[in-house]
Amino acid sequence: VTYASGDSMTPTIPNGAKIVINTKENDYTSLVSGRVYAFSVGNEMICKRAYKNLDGKLTLMSDNPDKEANPNRIIDRDCFDMLSLVGRIRMAVIDL
């Protein structure tokens, strides 16, 4: 369990929402296209919707419709190991 920071996944996961991550779903073969995952990149954790492409590449997308501020990122299969897949986000909880 951790907290979302930033608005790249708004409206699905708003800034400050508590997120529950299944850390057992943490490798390329377990990725389900269209689901939201947490990745560790350097010292930063990012949450993105992941899509497997037929050519083996992975497209990471923000749910925020502002694509200028939150562009899609395409990751080559060879570069995937440079990311650390923390796990699949299973739940987001917000305060009302």
C-alpha atoms as a PDB file:
ATOM      1  CA  VAL A   1       0.000   0.000   0.000  1.00  0.00           C
ATOM      2  CA  THR A   2       1.275   3.449  -0.924  1.00  0.00           C
ATOM      3  CA  TYR A   3      -0.080   6.843  -2.014  1.00  0.00           C
ATOM      4  CA  ALA A   4      -0.413   8.268  -5.514  1.00  0.00           C
ATOM      5  CA  SER A   5       1.462  11.471  -6.191  1.00  0.00           C
ATOM      6  CA  GLY A   6       0.645  13.643  -9.175  1.00  0.00           C
ATOM      7  CA  ASP A   7      -2.187  13.786 -11.667  1.00  0.00           C
ATOM      8  CA  SER A   8      -0.979  11.619 -14.565  1.00  0.00           C
ATOM      9  CA  MET A   9      -3.563   8.899 -13.793  1.00  0.00           C
ATOM     10  CA  THR A  10      -6.454  11.270 -13.033  1.00  0.00           C
ATOM     11  CA  PRO A  11      -9.407  10.601 -13.122  1.00  0.00           C
ATOM     12  CA  THR A  12      -8.770   6.884 -12.472  1.00  0.00           C
ATOM     13  CA  ILE A  13      -6.304   7.451  -9.631  1.00  0.00           C
ATOM     14  CA  PRO A  14      -6.431  10.979  -8.205  1.00  0.00           C
ATOM     15  CA  ASN A  15      -3.482  12.642  -6.502  1.00  0.00           C
ATOM     16  CA  GLY A  16      -3.222  11.477  -2.892  1.00  0.00           C
ATOM     17  CA  ALA A  17      -5.281   8.304  -3.349  1.00  0.00           C
ATOM     18  CA  LYS A  18      -4.165   5.266  -1.402  1.00  0.00           C
ATOM     19  CA  ILE A  19      -3.233   2.503  -3.864  1.00  0.00           C
ATOM     20  CA  VAL A  20      -2.981  -1.224  -3.240  1.00  0.00           C
ATOM     21  CA  ILE A  21      -0.360  -3.022  -5.350  1.00  0.00           C
ATOM     22  CA  ASN A  22      -0.170  -6.768  -5.958  1.00  0.00           C
ATOM     23  CA  THR A  23       3.613  -7.194  -5.938  1.00  0.00           C
ATOM     24  CA  LYS A  24       3.333 -10.813  -7.146  1.00  0.00           C
ATOM     25  CA  GLU A  25       2.358  -9.551 -10.611  1.00  0.00           C
ATOM     26  CA  ASN A  26       5.814  -8.140 -11.243  1.00  0.00           C
ATOM     27  CA  ASP A  27       7.227  -9.452 -14.519  1.00  0.00           C
ATOM     28  CA  TYR A  28       6.633  -8.901 -18.231  1.00  0.00           C
ATOM     29  CA  THR A  29       4.921 -12.255 -18.730  1.00  0.00           C
ATOM     30  CA  SER A  30       2.312 -11.441 -16.066  1.00  0.00           C
ATOM     31  CA  LEU A  31       1.343  -8.110 -17.668  1.00  0.00           C
ATOM     32  CA  VAL A  32      -2.297  -7.925 -18.748  1.00  0.00           C
ATOM     33  CA  SER A  33      -2.798  -5.369 -21.505  1.00  0.00           C
ATOM     34  CA  GLY A  34      -4.905  -2.395 -20.444  1.00  0.00           C
ATOM     35  CA  ARG A  35      -4.330  -2.793 -16.698  1.00  0.00           C
ATOM     36  CA  VAL A  36      -2.604  -0.271 -14.424  1.00  0.00           C
ATOM     37  CA  TYR A  37       0.835  -1.048 -13.010  1.00  0.00           C
ATOM     38  CA  ALA A  38       3.381   0.587 -10.743  1.00  0.00           C
ATOM     39  CA  PHE A  39       6.934   0.841 -12.057  1.00  0.00           C
ATOM     40  CA  SER A  40      10.094   1.973 -10.330  1.00  0.00           C
ATOM     41  CA  VAL A  41      12.304   4.168 -12.493  1.00  0.00           C
ATOM     42  CA  GLY A  42      15.437   5.278 -10.692  1.00  0.00           C
ATOM     43  CA  ASN A  43      14.237   6.672  -7.358  1.00  0.00           C
ATOM     44  CA  GLU A  44      10.712   7.378  -8.605  1.00  0.00           C
ATOM     45  CA  MET A  45       7.606   5.221  -8.736  1.00  0.00           C
ATOM     46  CA  ILE A  46       5.199   5.788 -11.625  1.00  0.00           C
ATOM     47  CA  CYS A  47       1.735   4.368 -12.255  1.00  0.00           C
ATOM     48  CA  LYS A  48       0.742   3.793 -15.876  1.00  0.00           C
ATOM     49  CA  ARG A  49      -1.724   1.798 -17.925  1.00  0.00           C
ATOM     50  CA  ALA A  50       0.320  -0.805 -19.836  1.00  0.00           C
ATOM     51  CA  TYR A  51      -0.375  -2.206 -23.292  1.00  0.00           C
ATOM     52  CA  LYS A  52       1.620  -5.046 -24.876  1.00  0.00           C
ATOM     53  CA  ASN A  53       2.176  -4.466 -28.574  1.00  0.00           C
ATOM     54  CA  LEU A  54       2.490  -7.241 -31.163  1.00  0.00           C
ATOM     55  CA  ASP A  55       6.137  -6.298 -31.782  1.00  0.00           C
ATOM     56  CA  GLY A  56       7.012  -6.943 -28.111  1.00  0.00           C
ATOM     57  CA  LYS A  57       7.133  -3.270 -27.179  1.00  0.00           C
ATOM     58  CA  LEU A  58       5.220  -1.946 -24.207  1.00  0.00           C
ATOM     59  CA  THR A  59       3.200   1.282 -24.334  1.00  0.00           C
ATOM     60  CA  LEU A  60       2.793   3.057 -20.996  1.00  0.00           C
ATOM     61  CA  MET A  61      -0.107   5.504 -20.946  1.00  0.00           C
ATOM     62  CA  SER A  62      -1.465   8.010 -18.485  1.00  0.00           C
ATOM     63  CA  ASP A  63      -5.238   8.196 -18.059  1.00  0.00           C
ATOM     64  CA  ASN A  64      -5.013  11.986 -17.864  1.00  0.00           C
ATOM     65  CA  PRO A  65      -6.278  13.276 -21.236  1.00  0.00           C
ATOM     66  CA  ASP A  66      -3.592  16.020 -21.353  1.00  0.00           C
ATOM     67  CA  LYS A  67      -1.147  14.103 -23.580  1.00  0.00           C
ATOM     68  CA  GLU A  68       1.156  17.104 -23.932  1.00  0.00           C
ATOM     69  CA  ALA A  69       1.887  16.977 -20.201  1.00  0.00           C
ATOM     70  CA  ASN A  70       1.505  13.174 -19.975  1.00  0.00           C
ATOM     71  CA  PRO A  71       2.745  11.639 -23.252  1.00  0.00           C
ATOM     72  CA  ASN A  72       2.643   7.930 -24.005  1.00  0.00           C
ATOM     73  CA  ARG A  73       5.944   6.138 -23.468  1.00  0.00           C
ATOM     74  CA  ILE A  74       6.964   3.230 -25.672  1.00  0.00           C
ATOM     75  CA  ILE A  75       9.418   0.787 -24.124  1.00  0.00           C
ATOM     76  CA  ASP A  76      11.362  -1.702 -26.246  1.00  0.00           C
ATOM     77  CA  ARG A  77      11.269  -5.253 -24.902  1.00  0.00           C
ATOM     78  CA  ASP A  78      15.083  -5.091 -24.556  1.00  0.00           C
ATOM     79  CA  CYS A  79      14.797  -1.949 -22.399  1.00  0.00           C
ATOM     80  CA  PHE A  80      12.038  -3.353 -20.201  1.00  0.00           C
ATOM     81  CA  ASP A  81      14.622  -4.713 -17.763  1.00  0.00           C
ATOM     82  CA  MET A  82      15.766  -1.137 -17.090  1.00  0.00           C
ATOM     83  CA  LEU A  83      12.412  -0.621 -15.342  1.00  0.00           C
ATOM     84  CA  SER A  84      11.449  -2.370 -12.178  1.00  0.00           C
ATOM     85  CA  LEU A  85       7.866  -3.606 -12.332  1.00  0.00           C
ATOM     86  CA  VAL A  86       6.590  -3.200  -8.775  1.00  0.00           C
ATOM     87  CA  GLY A  87       3.225  -4.823  -9.483  1.00  0.00           C
ATOM     88  CA  ARG A  88      -0.333  -4.415 -10.660  1.00  0.00           C
ATOM     89  CA  ILE A  89      -2.461  -1.773  -9.002  1.00  0.00           C
ATOM     90  CA  ARG A  90      -5.553  -3.539  -7.748  1.00  0.00           C
ATOM     91  CA  MET A  91      -7.336  -0.774  -5.860  1.00  0.00           C
ATOM     92  CA  ALA A  92      -7.349   2.975  -5.369  1.00  0.00           C
ATOM     93  CA  VAL A  93      -9.021   4.434  -2.280  1.00  0.00           C
ATOM     94  CA  ILE A  94      -9.889   8.121  -1.935  1.00  0.00           C
ATOM     95  CA  ASP A  95     -11.116  10.202   0.977  1.00  0.00           C
ATOM     96  CA  LEU A  96     -14.548  11.721   0.482  1.00  0.00           C
END
